[in-house]
């Protein structure tokens, strides 16, 4: 979940669920609550030493006995307690960060435009109608229970195979997805929770990356 962008600001968080708030006009706004507390810089990559500029961010507590020795040494070098989740974010101003630096909740202030990256809900093995939105066949006049079948999938002679990319039944969901140009409605600095306008990818409790918007809307 890395991409290049100038002066990118990012936080790791956990999706808590959805709620609603009221704006100044009395209309309620659907929001998603994200816990972005305990964010800390675990490593800084520079052009001189690594060939690129990036910041590695850690989030979430974990029992030190459950961390491998290489990772334990990595966290000890940064001077931080072990973290459960790590993500690397490329940014040109990586020299402004230091290992061990804690990232506050208001690093992305209220009203700022953000992109949220997460893993969508897994739906298991799904048919073509649910997975791709195909139209079902009629359920009367001798259809013989064909209403949810995909139909023909390829020619018998040319090309004598199923072409790649054919929309067929298969595993649905559990994909990395990014929703762009969302807005931070409010930030609870004391509890480390931000409210993002609209919905974000993933089920309740999943890990998401909240970063400054690429398009800057």
N, C-alpha and C. Protein backbone atom coordinates (compact mmCIF):
# COMPACT_ATOMS: atom_id res chain seq x y z
N UNK A 1 0.83 -1.19 0.00
CA UNK A 1 0.00 0.00 0.00
C UNK A 1 0.87 1.25 0.00
N UNK A 2 1.77 1.33 -0.95
CA UNK A 2 2.64 2.48 -1.06
C UNK A 2 2.44 3.13 -2.42
N UNK A 3 2.61 4.43 -2.48
CA UNK A 3 2.57 5.17 -3.73
C UNK A 3 3.33 6.46 -3.54
N UNK A 4 3.79 7.00 -4.61
CA UNK A 4 4.63 8.19 -4.54
C UNK A 4 3.78 9.44 -4.63
N UNK A 5 4.08 10.39 -3.74
CA UNK A 5 3.36 11.66 -3.77
C UNK A 5 4.20 12.68 -3.02
N UNK A 6 4.14 13.92 -3.44
CA UNK A 6 4.90 14.97 -2.78
C UNK A 6 4.29 15.29 -1.43
N UNK A 7 5.15 15.33 -0.42
CA UNK A 7 4.76 15.76 0.93
C UNK A 7 3.48 15.04 1.42
N UNK A 8 3.49 13.74 1.32
CA UNK A 8 2.33 12.96 1.76
C UNK A 8 2.31 12.89 3.28
N UNK A 9 1.13 13.07 3.84
CA UNK A 9 0.91 12.90 5.28
C UNK A 9 -0.05 11.74 5.47
N UNK A 10 0.31 10.80 6.36
CA UNK A 10 -0.51 9.60 6.50
C UNK A 10 -0.56 9.13 7.94
N UNK A 11 -1.61 8.40 8.25
CA UNK A 11 -1.80 7.78 9.56
C UNK A 11 -2.40 6.39 9.35
N UNK A 12 -2.02 5.46 10.22
CA UNK A 12 -2.63 4.14 10.24
C UNK A 12 -3.76 4.15 11.26
N UNK A 13 -4.83 3.44 10.96
CA UNK A 13 -5.94 3.44 11.90
C UNK A 13 -6.77 2.18 11.80
N UNK A 14 -7.72 2.07 12.72
CA UNK A 14 -8.64 0.94 12.75
C UNK A 14 -10.07 1.46 12.59
N UNK A 15 -10.81 0.87 11.66
CA UNK A 15 -12.19 1.28 11.42
C UNK A 15 -13.06 0.83 12.60
N UNK A 16 -13.73 1.79 13.23
CA UNK A 16 -14.57 1.51 14.38
C UNK A 16 -16.03 1.28 14.00
N UNK A 17 -16.46 1.86 12.91
CA UNK A 17 -17.86 1.74 12.50
C UNK A 17 -18.37 3.08 12.00
N UNK A 18 -19.67 3.14 11.72
CA UNK A 18 -20.26 4.34 11.18
C UNK A 18 -21.18 5.01 12.19
N UNK A 19 -21.33 6.31 12.02
CA UNK A 19 -22.20 7.10 12.88
C UNK A 19 -22.72 8.27 12.04
N UNK A 20 -23.24 9.28 12.71
CA UNK A 20 -23.71 10.45 11.99
C UNK A 20 -23.56 11.69 12.86
N UNK A 21 -23.31 12.81 12.21
CA UNK A 21 -23.20 14.10 12.89
C UNK A 21 -24.09 15.08 12.14
N UNK A 22 -24.37 16.20 12.79
CA UNK A 22 -25.20 17.23 12.17
C UNK A 22 -24.35 18.43 11.78
N UNK A 23 -24.60 18.96 10.59
CA UNK A 23 -23.85 20.13 10.14
C UNK A 23 -24.54 21.41 10.61
N UNK A 24 -24.00 22.54 10.17
CA UNK A 24 -24.53 23.83 10.63
C UNK A 24 -25.92 24.12 10.08
N UNK A 25 -26.34 23.40 9.03
CA UNK A 25 -27.66 23.60 8.45
C UNK A 25 -28.71 22.66 9.02
N UNK A 26 -28.32 21.82 9.96
CA UNK A 26 -29.27 20.91 10.57
C UNK A 26 -29.44 19.59 9.84
N UNK A 27 -28.62 19.33 8.82
CA UNK A 27 -28.69 18.06 8.11
C UNK A 27 -27.68 17.09 8.71
N UNK A 28 -28.06 15.82 8.82
CA UNK A 28 -27.12 14.85 9.37
C UNK A 28 -26.19 14.34 8.27
N UNK A 29 -24.94 14.13 8.64
CA UNK A 29 -23.90 13.69 7.71
C UNK A 29 -23.40 12.32 8.15
N UNK A 30 -23.47 11.30 7.31
CA UNK A 30 -22.93 9.99 7.68
C UNK A 30 -21.40 10.02 7.74
N UNK A 31 -20.85 9.49 8.80
CA UNK A 31 -19.40 9.51 8.99
C UNK A 31 -18.93 8.12 9.41
N UNK A 32 -17.65 7.85 9.14
CA UNK A 32 -16.99 6.64 9.60
C UNK A 32 -15.96 7.03 10.65
N UNK A 33 -16.01 6.37 11.80
CA UNK A 33 -15.08 6.65 12.88
C UNK A 33 -13.84 5.77 12.73
N UNK A 34 -12.67 6.39 12.82
CA UNK A 34 -11.41 5.68 12.67
C UNK A 34 -10.50 6.01 13.84
N UNK A 35 -10.00 4.98 14.51
CA UNK A 35 -9.06 5.16 15.61
C UNK A 35 -7.65 5.28 15.04
N UNK A 36 -7.02 6.44 15.19
CA UNK A 36 -5.68 6.68 14.66
C UNK A 36 -4.69 7.01 15.78
N UNK A 37 -4.96 6.51 16.97
CA UNK A 37 -4.04 6.75 18.08
C UNK A 37 -2.83 5.82 17.98
N UNK A 38 -1.83 6.07 18.79
CA UNK A 38 -0.60 5.26 18.90
C UNK A 38 0.18 5.15 17.59
N UNK A 39 0.08 6.16 16.71
CA UNK A 39 0.90 6.16 15.50
C UNK A 39 2.30 6.69 15.84
N UNK A 40 3.32 5.98 15.36
CA UNK A 40 4.69 6.37 15.67
C UNK A 40 5.56 6.05 14.45
N UNK A 41 6.60 6.84 14.26
CA UNK A 41 7.55 6.62 13.16
C UNK A 41 8.55 5.55 13.59
N UNK A 42 8.63 4.47 12.84
CA UNK A 42 9.54 3.38 13.18
C UNK A 42 10.80 3.37 12.31
N UNK A 43 10.78 4.08 11.18
CA UNK A 43 11.97 4.15 10.32
C UNK A 43 11.78 5.28 9.32
N UNK A 44 12.90 5.84 8.88
CA UNK A 44 12.90 6.90 7.88
C UNK A 44 13.84 6.48 6.76
N UNK A 45 13.34 6.42 5.53
CA UNK A 45 14.14 6.05 4.37
C UNK A 45 14.53 7.33 3.61
N UNK A 46 15.79 7.42 3.22
CA UNK A 46 16.29 8.60 2.52
C UNK A 46 16.91 8.21 1.19
N UNK A 47 17.07 9.20 0.31
CA UNK A 47 17.68 8.97 -0.99
C UNK A 47 19.12 8.50 -0.85
N UNK A 48 19.83 9.03 0.11
CA UNK A 48 21.24 8.70 0.27
C UNK A 48 21.46 7.25 0.71
N UNK A 49 20.66 6.78 1.65
CA UNK A 49 20.88 5.45 2.21
C UNK A 49 20.04 4.35 1.56
N UNK A 50 18.84 4.70 1.07
CA UNK A 50 17.93 3.68 0.57
C UNK A 50 17.54 3.88 -0.90
N UNK A 51 17.87 5.01 -1.46
CA UNK A 51 17.53 5.25 -2.86
C UNK A 51 16.16 5.84 -3.08
N UNK A 52 15.39 6.04 -2.02
CA UNK A 52 14.08 6.67 -2.13
C UNK A 52 13.74 7.28 -0.78
N UNK A 53 12.75 8.16 -0.80
CA UNK A 53 12.36 8.89 0.40
C UNK A 53 11.01 8.39 0.89
N UNK A 54 10.96 7.89 2.13
CA UNK A 54 9.72 7.34 2.66
C UNK A 54 9.77 7.34 4.19
N UNK A 55 8.61 7.16 4.78
CA UNK A 55 8.47 7.08 6.24
C UNK A 55 7.72 5.79 6.57
N UNK A 56 8.24 5.04 7.51
CA UNK A 56 7.57 3.82 7.97
C UNK A 56 6.83 4.13 9.27
N UNK A 57 5.54 3.80 9.29
CA UNK A 57 4.68 4.14 10.42
C UNK A 57 4.21 2.85 11.09
N UNK A 58 4.21 2.83 12.42
CA UNK A 58 3.72 1.70 13.18
C UNK A 58 2.46 2.06 13.94
N UNK A 59 1.59 1.08 14.10
CA UNK A 59 0.31 1.32 14.78
C UNK A 59 -0.10 0.07 15.53
N UNK A 60 -0.72 0.26 16.68
CA UNK A 60 -1.29 -0.85 17.44
C UNK A 60 -0.28 -1.51 18.35
N UNK A 61 -0.70 -1.84 19.56
CA UNK A 61 0.16 -2.50 20.52
C UNK A 61 0.19 -4.01 20.29
N UNK A 62 1.30 -4.63 20.67
CA UNK A 62 1.45 -6.07 20.56
C UNK A 62 2.37 -6.55 21.69
N UNK A 63 2.14 -7.75 22.16
CA UNK A 63 2.97 -8.33 23.21
C UNK A 63 4.40 -8.48 22.68
N UNK A 64 5.41 -7.91 23.36
CA UNK A 64 6.80 -8.01 22.88
C UNK A 64 7.27 -9.45 22.68
N UNK A 65 6.70 -10.41 23.42
CA UNK A 65 7.12 -11.80 23.26
C UNK A 65 6.64 -12.41 21.96
N UNK A 66 5.71 -11.75 21.28
CA UNK A 66 5.17 -12.27 20.03
C UNK A 66 5.84 -11.67 18.80
N UNK A 67 6.88 -10.87 19.03
CA UNK A 67 7.59 -10.22 17.93
C UNK A 67 8.87 -10.99 17.63
N UNK A 68 9.17 -11.18 16.36
CA UNK A 68 10.40 -11.87 15.98
C UNK A 68 11.62 -11.05 16.37
N UNK A 69 12.75 -11.71 16.49
CA UNK A 69 13.97 -11.01 16.92
C UNK A 69 14.40 -9.91 15.94
N UNK A 70 14.33 -10.14 14.62
CA UNK A 70 14.67 -9.04 13.72
C UNK A 70 13.79 -7.81 13.91
N UNK A 71 12.47 -8.04 14.06
CA UNK A 71 11.57 -6.91 14.27
C UNK A 71 11.80 -6.26 15.63
N UNK A 72 12.10 -7.09 16.65
CA UNK A 72 12.38 -6.54 17.97
C UNK A 72 13.58 -5.61 17.92
N UNK A 73 14.61 -6.01 17.18
CA UNK A 73 15.77 -5.14 17.01
C UNK A 73 15.45 -3.89 16.22
N UNK A 74 14.56 -4.03 15.24
CA UNK A 74 14.15 -2.88 14.44
C UNK A 74 13.43 -1.85 15.31
N UNK A 75 12.51 -2.31 16.17
CA UNK A 75 11.80 -1.39 17.04
C UNK A 75 12.72 -0.80 18.10
N UNK A 76 13.65 -1.61 18.61
CA UNK A 76 14.58 -1.10 19.61
C UNK A 76 15.49 -0.01 19.02
N UNK A 77 15.87 -0.18 17.77
CA UNK A 77 16.70 0.83 17.11
C UNK A 77 15.96 2.15 16.97
N UNK A 78 14.64 2.06 16.74
CA UNK A 78 13.83 3.27 16.62
C UNK A 78 13.46 3.84 17.98
N UNK A 79 13.67 3.07 19.05
CA UNK A 79 13.34 3.54 20.39
C UNK A 79 11.87 3.56 20.69
N UNK A 80 11.13 2.59 20.12
CA UNK A 80 9.69 2.52 20.35
C UNK A 80 9.32 1.11 20.80
N UNK A 81 8.17 0.98 21.42
CA UNK A 81 7.66 -0.33 21.78
C UNK A 81 7.17 -1.04 20.52
N UNK A 82 7.16 -2.37 20.49
CA UNK A 82 6.71 -3.09 19.29
C UNK A 82 5.30 -2.70 18.87
N UNK A 83 5.10 -2.62 17.57
CA UNK A 83 3.80 -2.28 16.99
C UNK A 83 3.29 -3.44 16.15
N UNK A 84 1.98 -3.58 16.12
CA UNK A 84 1.37 -4.72 15.43
C UNK A 84 1.33 -4.53 13.91
N UNK A 85 1.12 -3.30 13.46
CA UNK A 85 0.96 -3.04 12.03
C UNK A 85 1.98 -2.00 11.58
N UNK A 86 2.54 -2.23 10.39
CA UNK A 86 3.51 -1.31 9.80
C UNK A 86 3.08 -0.98 8.37
N UNK A 87 3.33 0.25 7.97
CA UNK A 87 3.08 0.67 6.60
C UNK A 87 4.13 1.69 6.21
N UNK A 88 4.54 1.66 4.95
CA UNK A 88 5.54 2.59 4.45
C UNK A 88 4.89 3.55 3.48
N UNK A 89 5.09 4.83 3.70
CA UNK A 89 4.48 5.87 2.88
C UNK A 89 5.58 6.71 2.25
N UNK A 90 5.58 6.77 0.95
CA UNK A 90 6.59 7.57 0.25
C UNK A 90 6.22 9.05 0.31
N UNK A 91 7.19 9.86 0.63
CA UNK A 91 6.99 11.30 0.72
C UNK A 91 8.32 11.99 0.54
N UNK A 92 8.29 13.18 -0.05
CA UNK A 92 9.53 13.89 -0.32
C UNK A 92 10.07 14.62 0.91
N UNK A 93 9.23 14.81 1.93
CA UNK A 93 9.69 15.51 3.13
C UNK A 93 9.95 14.53 4.28
N UNK A 94 10.50 13.37 3.95
CA UNK A 94 10.80 12.36 4.97
C UNK A 94 11.83 12.86 5.97
N UNK A 95 12.67 13.81 5.56
CA UNK A 95 13.70 14.32 6.47
C UNK A 95 13.11 15.12 7.62
N UNK A 96 11.83 15.43 7.56
CA UNK A 96 11.19 16.16 8.66
C UNK A 96 10.77 15.23 9.80
N UNK A 97 10.87 13.90 9.57
CA UNK A 97 10.47 12.93 10.58
C UNK A 97 11.70 12.28 11.20
N UNK A 98 11.53 11.77 12.39
CA UNK A 98 12.59 11.07 13.10
C UNK A 98 12.06 9.77 13.68
N UNK A 99 12.88 8.70 13.71
CA UNK A 99 12.42 7.45 14.34
C UNK A 99 12.05 7.67 15.80
N UNK A 100 10.92 7.12 16.19
CA UNK A 100 10.43 7.30 17.55
C UNK A 100 9.47 8.46 17.71
N UNK A 101 9.32 9.26 16.66
CA UNK A 101 8.42 10.42 16.74
C UNK A 101 6.97 9.97 16.73
N UNK A 102 6.17 10.46 17.67
CA UNK A 102 4.74 10.14 17.70
C UNK A 102 3.99 11.09 16.77
N UNK A 103 3.04 10.52 16.03
CA UNK A 103 2.25 11.30 15.09
C UNK A 103 0.90 11.63 15.72
N UNK A 104 0.60 12.90 15.90
CA UNK A 104 -0.65 13.28 16.57
C UNK A 104 -1.86 13.08 15.68
N UNK A 105 -3.03 13.07 16.30
CA UNK A 105 -4.28 12.88 15.56
C UNK A 105 -4.52 14.03 14.60
N UNK A 106 -4.19 15.24 15.01
CA UNK A 106 -4.44 16.41 14.18
C UNK A 106 -3.36 16.61 13.12
N UNK A 107 -2.56 15.57 12.84
CA UNK A 107 -1.61 15.66 11.73
C UNK A 107 -2.38 15.89 10.43
N UNK A 108 -3.58 15.32 10.36
CA UNK A 108 -4.52 15.60 9.27
C UNK A 108 -5.67 16.39 9.89
N UNK A 109 -5.69 17.70 9.77
CA UNK A 109 -6.66 18.54 10.49
C UNK A 109 -8.08 18.40 9.93
N UNK A 110 -9.03 18.92 10.68
CA UNK A 110 -10.42 18.91 10.25
C UNK A 110 -10.58 19.68 8.94
N UNK A 111 -11.41 19.16 8.07
CA UNK A 111 -11.66 19.81 6.79
C UNK A 111 -10.70 19.41 5.68
N UNK A 112 -9.64 18.67 6.02
CA UNK A 112 -8.67 18.30 5.00
C UNK A 112 -9.20 17.17 4.13
N UNK A 113 -8.77 17.14 2.87
CA UNK A 113 -9.17 16.11 1.93
C UNK A 113 -8.20 14.94 2.03
N UNK A 114 -8.75 13.72 2.09
CA UNK A 114 -7.92 12.54 2.32
C UNK A 114 -8.31 11.41 1.37
N UNK A 115 -7.41 10.45 1.25
CA UNK A 115 -7.69 9.17 0.58
C UNK A 115 -7.56 8.07 1.62
N UNK A 116 -8.47 7.12 1.61
CA UNK A 116 -8.46 6.02 2.58
C UNK A 116 -8.31 4.71 1.83
N UNK A 117 -7.29 3.93 2.21
CA UNK A 117 -7.02 2.63 1.60
C UNK A 117 -7.27 1.53 2.61
N UNK A 118 -8.02 0.51 2.20
CA UNK A 118 -8.30 -0.62 3.08
C UNK A 118 -8.58 -1.87 2.28
N UNK A 119 -8.90 -2.94 2.97
CA UNK A 119 -9.24 -4.22 2.33
C UNK A 119 -10.73 -4.44 2.43
N UNK A 120 -11.37 -4.63 1.30
CA UNK A 120 -12.83 -4.76 1.26
C UNK A 120 -13.28 -6.05 1.95
N UNK A 121 -14.55 -6.11 2.26
CA UNK A 121 -15.12 -7.30 2.90
C UNK A 121 -15.04 -8.50 1.96
N UNK A 122 -14.66 -9.63 2.51
CA UNK A 122 -14.64 -10.86 1.73
C UNK A 122 -16.03 -11.47 1.66
N UNK A 123 -16.49 -11.80 0.45
CA UNK A 123 -17.83 -12.36 0.25
C UNK A 123 -17.80 -13.86 -0.03
N UNK A 124 -16.60 -14.45 -0.11
CA UNK A 124 -16.51 -15.86 -0.42
C UNK A 124 -16.72 -16.13 -1.90
N UNK A 125 -17.04 -17.38 -2.24
CA UNK A 125 -17.26 -17.76 -3.63
C UNK A 125 -18.65 -17.28 -4.06
N UNK A 126 -18.70 -16.45 -5.09
CA UNK A 126 -19.96 -15.85 -5.54
C UNK A 126 -20.18 -16.14 -7.01
N UNK A 127 -21.44 -16.20 -7.38
CA UNK A 127 -21.80 -16.41 -8.78
C UNK A 127 -21.68 -15.13 -9.59
N UNK A 128 -21.96 -15.24 -10.88
CA UNK A 128 -21.77 -14.09 -11.77
C UNK A 128 -22.76 -12.97 -11.50
N UNK A 129 -23.97 -13.30 -11.05
CA UNK A 129 -24.97 -12.26 -10.80
C UNK A 129 -24.55 -11.38 -9.62
N UNK A 130 -24.12 -12.00 -8.54
CA UNK A 130 -23.70 -11.24 -7.37
C UNK A 130 -22.35 -10.57 -7.59
N UNK A 131 -21.43 -11.28 -8.25
CA UNK A 131 -20.07 -10.77 -8.40
C UNK A 131 -19.96 -9.67 -9.44
N UNK A 132 -20.68 -9.81 -10.56
CA UNK A 132 -20.54 -8.87 -11.66
C UNK A 132 -21.82 -8.12 -12.01
N UNK A 133 -22.92 -8.44 -11.32
CA UNK A 133 -24.15 -7.73 -11.59
C UNK A 133 -24.86 -8.17 -12.86
N UNK A 134 -24.65 -9.43 -13.28
CA UNK A 134 -25.34 -9.92 -14.47
C UNK A 134 -26.86 -9.94 -14.24
N UNK A 135 -27.59 -9.86 -15.33
CA UNK A 135 -29.05 -9.96 -15.26
C UNK A 135 -29.45 -11.43 -15.28
N UNK A 136 -30.40 -11.79 -14.45
CA UNK A 136 -30.85 -13.19 -14.40
C UNK A 136 -31.81 -13.48 -15.55
N UNK A 137 -31.94 -14.77 -15.85
CA UNK A 137 -32.86 -15.21 -16.89
C UNK A 137 -34.27 -15.29 -16.31
N UNK A 138 -35.26 -15.42 -17.16
CA UNK A 138 -36.65 -15.48 -16.70
C UNK A 138 -36.87 -16.76 -15.89
N UNK A 139 -37.80 -16.73 -14.97
CA UNK A 139 -38.05 -17.85 -14.08
C UNK A 139 -39.30 -18.64 -14.48
N UNK A 140 -39.82 -18.42 -15.67
CA UNK A 140 -41.04 -19.12 -16.11
C UNK A 140 -40.84 -19.68 -17.51
N UNK A 141 -41.88 -20.36 -18.03
CA UNK A 141 -41.92 -20.86 -19.40
C UNK A 141 -40.75 -21.79 -19.72
N UNK A 142 -40.56 -22.78 -18.85
CA UNK A 142 -39.58 -23.82 -19.16
C UNK A 142 -38.13 -23.40 -19.13
N UNK A 143 -37.78 -22.53 -18.22
CA UNK A 143 -36.39 -22.10 -18.14
C UNK A 143 -35.49 -23.17 -17.53
N UNK A 144 -36.07 -24.17 -16.86
CA UNK A 144 -35.31 -25.30 -16.32
C UNK A 144 -34.22 -24.86 -15.35
N UNK A 145 -34.55 -23.95 -14.47
CA UNK A 145 -33.63 -23.47 -13.42
C UNK A 145 -32.33 -22.89 -14.00
N UNK A 146 -32.46 -22.18 -15.11
CA UNK A 146 -31.30 -21.53 -15.72
C UNK A 146 -31.17 -20.06 -15.35
N UNK A 147 -32.03 -19.57 -14.43
CA UNK A 147 -32.11 -18.13 -14.25
C UNK A 147 -30.84 -17.51 -13.67
N UNK A 148 -30.01 -18.29 -12.97
CA UNK A 148 -28.79 -17.72 -12.38
C UNK A 148 -27.51 -18.32 -12.97
N UNK A 149 -27.64 -19.03 -14.06
CA UNK A 149 -26.46 -19.59 -14.71
C UNK A 149 -25.81 -18.57 -15.63
N UNK A 150 -24.48 -18.64 -15.81
CA UNK A 150 -23.79 -17.60 -16.59
C UNK A 150 -24.02 -17.68 -18.08
N UNK A 151 -24.40 -18.86 -18.60
CA UNK A 151 -24.59 -18.98 -20.04
C UNK A 151 -23.29 -19.39 -20.73
N UNK A 152 -23.22 -19.17 -22.03
CA UNK A 152 -22.05 -19.57 -22.81
C UNK A 152 -20.82 -18.77 -22.38
N UNK A 153 -19.67 -19.45 -22.32
CA UNK A 153 -18.45 -18.77 -21.87
C UNK A 153 -17.36 -18.77 -22.94
N UNK A 154 -17.57 -19.43 -24.07
CA UNK A 154 -16.54 -19.42 -25.10
C UNK A 154 -16.95 -20.23 -26.31
N UNK A 155 -16.26 -20.03 -27.43
CA UNK A 155 -16.56 -20.75 -28.67
C UNK A 155 -15.91 -22.14 -28.65
N UNK A 156 -16.48 -23.08 -29.42
CA UNK A 156 -15.96 -24.44 -29.41
C UNK A 156 -14.73 -24.60 -30.30
N UNK A 157 -14.58 -23.80 -31.34
CA UNK A 157 -13.46 -23.97 -32.27
C UNK A 157 -12.50 -22.78 -32.25
N UNK A 158 -13.04 -21.59 -32.26
CA UNK A 158 -12.17 -20.40 -32.28
C UNK A 158 -12.56 -19.48 -31.14
N UNK A 159 -11.74 -19.25 -30.15
CA UNK A 159 -10.34 -19.70 -30.06
C UNK A 159 -10.16 -21.02 -29.31
N UNK A 160 -11.21 -21.78 -29.08
CA UNK A 160 -11.13 -23.08 -28.40
C UNK A 160 -10.62 -22.98 -26.98
N UNK A 161 -10.85 -21.89 -26.36
CA UNK A 161 -10.45 -21.70 -24.96
C UNK A 161 -11.23 -20.52 -24.39
N UNK A 162 -11.17 -20.38 -23.08
CA UNK A 162 -11.80 -19.24 -22.43
C UNK A 162 -10.79 -18.11 -22.33
N UNK A 163 -11.13 -16.96 -22.83
CA UNK A 163 -10.20 -15.83 -22.84
C UNK A 163 -9.95 -15.34 -21.42
N UNK A 164 -8.75 -14.84 -21.21
CA UNK A 164 -8.39 -14.29 -19.91
C UNK A 164 -9.25 -13.07 -19.60
N UNK A 165 -9.61 -12.93 -18.34
CA UNK A 165 -10.41 -11.79 -17.93
C UNK A 165 -11.89 -12.01 -18.07
N UNK A 166 -12.30 -13.22 -18.44
CA UNK A 166 -13.72 -13.51 -18.58
C UNK A 166 -14.40 -13.37 -17.22
N UNK A 167 -15.51 -12.67 -17.19
CA UNK A 167 -16.24 -12.46 -15.93
C UNK A 167 -17.04 -13.72 -15.59
N UNK A 168 -16.50 -14.45 -14.61
CA UNK A 168 -17.11 -15.72 -14.22
C UNK A 168 -17.25 -15.76 -12.71
N UNK A 169 -17.81 -16.86 -12.22
CA UNK A 169 -17.94 -17.04 -10.78
C UNK A 169 -16.56 -17.18 -10.15
N UNK A 170 -16.43 -16.77 -8.89
CA UNK A 170 -15.14 -16.87 -8.21
C UNK A 170 -15.18 -16.14 -6.88
N UNK A 171 -14.02 -16.07 -6.25
CA UNK A 171 -13.91 -15.38 -4.98
C UNK A 171 -14.21 -13.89 -5.14
N UNK A 172 -15.04 -13.39 -4.27
CA UNK A 172 -15.47 -11.99 -4.36
C UNK A 172 -15.03 -11.23 -3.12
N UNK A 173 -14.51 -10.04 -3.32
CA UNK A 173 -14.10 -9.21 -2.20
C UNK A 173 -12.69 -9.50 -1.73
N UNK A 174 -12.36 -8.97 -0.55
CA UNK A 174 -11.03 -9.09 0.06
C UNK A 174 -9.96 -8.56 -0.89
N UNK A 175 -10.23 -7.38 -1.46
CA UNK A 175 -9.30 -6.71 -2.35
C UNK A 175 -8.90 -5.37 -1.76
N UNK A 176 -7.71 -4.92 -2.10
CA UNK A 176 -7.27 -3.60 -1.67
C UNK A 176 -8.03 -2.53 -2.46
N UNK A 177 -8.64 -1.60 -1.74
CA UNK A 177 -9.45 -0.56 -2.38
C UNK A 177 -9.14 0.79 -1.76
N UNK A 178 -9.18 1.82 -2.59
CA UNK A 178 -8.93 3.19 -2.13
C UNK A 178 -10.10 4.08 -2.51
N UNK A 179 -10.62 4.81 -1.53
CA UNK A 179 -11.66 5.81 -1.77
C UNK A 179 -11.02 7.18 -1.68
N UNK A 180 -11.15 7.97 -2.72
CA UNK A 180 -10.46 9.25 -2.80
C UNK A 180 -11.37 10.42 -2.43
N UNK A 181 -10.72 11.50 -2.06
CA UNK A 181 -11.36 12.80 -1.84
C UNK A 181 -12.45 12.75 -0.78
N UNK A 182 -12.17 12.07 0.31
CA UNK A 182 -13.05 12.13 1.47
C UNK A 182 -12.64 13.32 2.34
N UNK A 183 -13.46 13.66 3.31
CA UNK A 183 -13.20 14.84 4.14
C UNK A 183 -13.26 14.45 5.61
N UNK A 184 -12.31 14.95 6.38
CA UNK A 184 -12.33 14.76 7.82
C UNK A 184 -13.29 15.77 8.43
N UNK A 185 -14.36 15.27 9.01
CA UNK A 185 -15.38 16.14 9.59
C UNK A 185 -14.96 16.66 10.95
N UNK A 186 -14.40 15.78 11.78
CA UNK A 186 -13.97 16.18 13.12
C UNK A 186 -12.86 15.26 13.58
N UNK A 187 -12.10 15.73 14.58
CA UNK A 187 -11.00 14.96 15.15
C UNK A 187 -11.05 15.06 16.67
N UNK A 188 -11.17 13.93 17.34
CA UNK A 188 -11.16 13.85 18.79
C UNK A 188 -9.74 13.56 19.24
N UNK A 189 -9.01 14.61 19.59
CA UNK A 189 -7.60 14.45 19.94
C UNK A 189 -7.43 13.66 21.22
N UNK A 190 -8.33 13.85 22.17
CA UNK A 190 -8.20 13.17 23.46
C UNK A 190 -8.34 11.66 23.32
N UNK A 191 -9.28 11.20 22.50
CA UNK A 191 -9.51 9.76 22.32
C UNK A 191 -8.83 9.19 21.09
N UNK A 192 -8.21 10.05 20.28
CA UNK A 192 -7.50 9.57 19.11
C UNK A 192 -8.41 9.06 18.01
N UNK A 193 -9.56 9.68 17.80
CA UNK A 193 -10.53 9.21 16.82
C UNK A 193 -10.85 10.35 15.85
N UNK A 194 -10.90 10.03 14.58
CA UNK A 194 -11.32 11.00 13.57
C UNK A 194 -12.62 10.51 12.93
N UNK A 195 -13.43 11.46 12.46
CA UNK A 195 -14.69 11.16 11.78
C UNK A 195 -14.53 11.54 10.32
N UNK A 196 -14.65 10.55 9.44
CA UNK A 196 -14.49 10.75 8.00
C UNK A 196 -15.86 10.75 7.33
N UNK A 197 -16.13 11.74 6.52
CA UNK A 197 -17.41 11.83 5.84
C UNK A 197 -17.56 10.70 4.84
N UNK A 198 -18.67 9.95 4.94
CA UNK A 198 -18.93 8.87 4.01
C UNK A 198 -18.39 7.53 4.48
N UNK A 199 -18.38 6.56 3.58
CA UNK A 199 -17.97 5.20 3.89
C UNK A 199 -16.55 4.95 3.40
N UNK A 200 -15.86 4.02 4.06
CA UNK A 200 -14.51 3.64 3.69
C UNK A 200 -14.46 2.12 3.52
N UNK A 201 -13.47 1.60 2.82
CA UNK A 201 -13.42 0.15 2.57
C UNK A 201 -13.18 -0.64 3.85
N UNK A 202 -13.66 -1.89 3.84
CA UNK A 202 -13.34 -2.82 4.90
C UNK A 202 -14.43 -2.99 5.93
N UNK A 203 -14.39 -4.12 6.66
CA UNK A 203 -15.35 -4.36 7.74
C UNK A 203 -14.95 -3.61 9.00
N UNK A 204 -15.82 -3.64 10.00
CA UNK A 204 -15.52 -3.02 11.28
C UNK A 204 -14.33 -3.74 11.94
N UNK A 205 -13.35 -2.96 12.39
CA UNK A 205 -12.17 -3.53 13.02
C UNK A 205 -10.99 -3.71 12.08
N UNK A 206 -11.17 -3.45 10.79
CA UNK A 206 -10.07 -3.62 9.84
C UNK A 206 -9.11 -2.43 9.88
N UNK A 207 -7.90 -2.66 9.37
CA UNK A 207 -6.87 -1.64 9.35
C UNK A 207 -6.95 -0.85 8.05
N UNK A 208 -6.86 0.47 8.16
CA UNK A 208 -6.92 1.35 6.99
C UNK A 208 -5.76 2.35 7.06
N UNK A 209 -5.40 2.86 5.89
CA UNK A 209 -4.39 3.91 5.78
C UNK A 209 -5.07 5.20 5.37
N UNK A 210 -4.94 6.22 6.19
CA UNK A 210 -5.53 7.52 5.92
C UNK A 210 -4.41 8.47 5.54
N UNK A 211 -4.46 9.01 4.33
CA UNK A 211 -3.38 9.87 3.86
C UNK A 211 -3.94 11.08 3.13
N UNK A 212 -3.12 12.10 3.02
CA UNK A 212 -3.55 13.32 2.34
C UNK A 212 -3.90 12.99 0.88
N UNK A 213 -4.88 13.69 0.35
CA UNK A 213 -5.42 13.37 -0.96
C UNK A 213 -4.41 13.59 -2.06
N UNK A 214 -4.40 12.67 -3.03
CA UNK A 214 -3.51 12.79 -4.18
C UNK A 214 -3.94 13.94 -5.08
N UNK A 215 -5.25 14.04 -5.26
CA UNK A 215 -5.78 15.06 -6.16
C UNK A 215 -5.91 16.42 -5.48
N UNK A 216 -5.83 16.42 -4.15
CA UNK A 216 -5.86 17.68 -3.43
C UNK A 216 -7.17 18.42 -3.54
N UNK A 217 -8.27 17.68 -3.61
CA UNK A 217 -9.58 18.32 -3.76
C UNK A 217 -10.00 18.95 -2.45
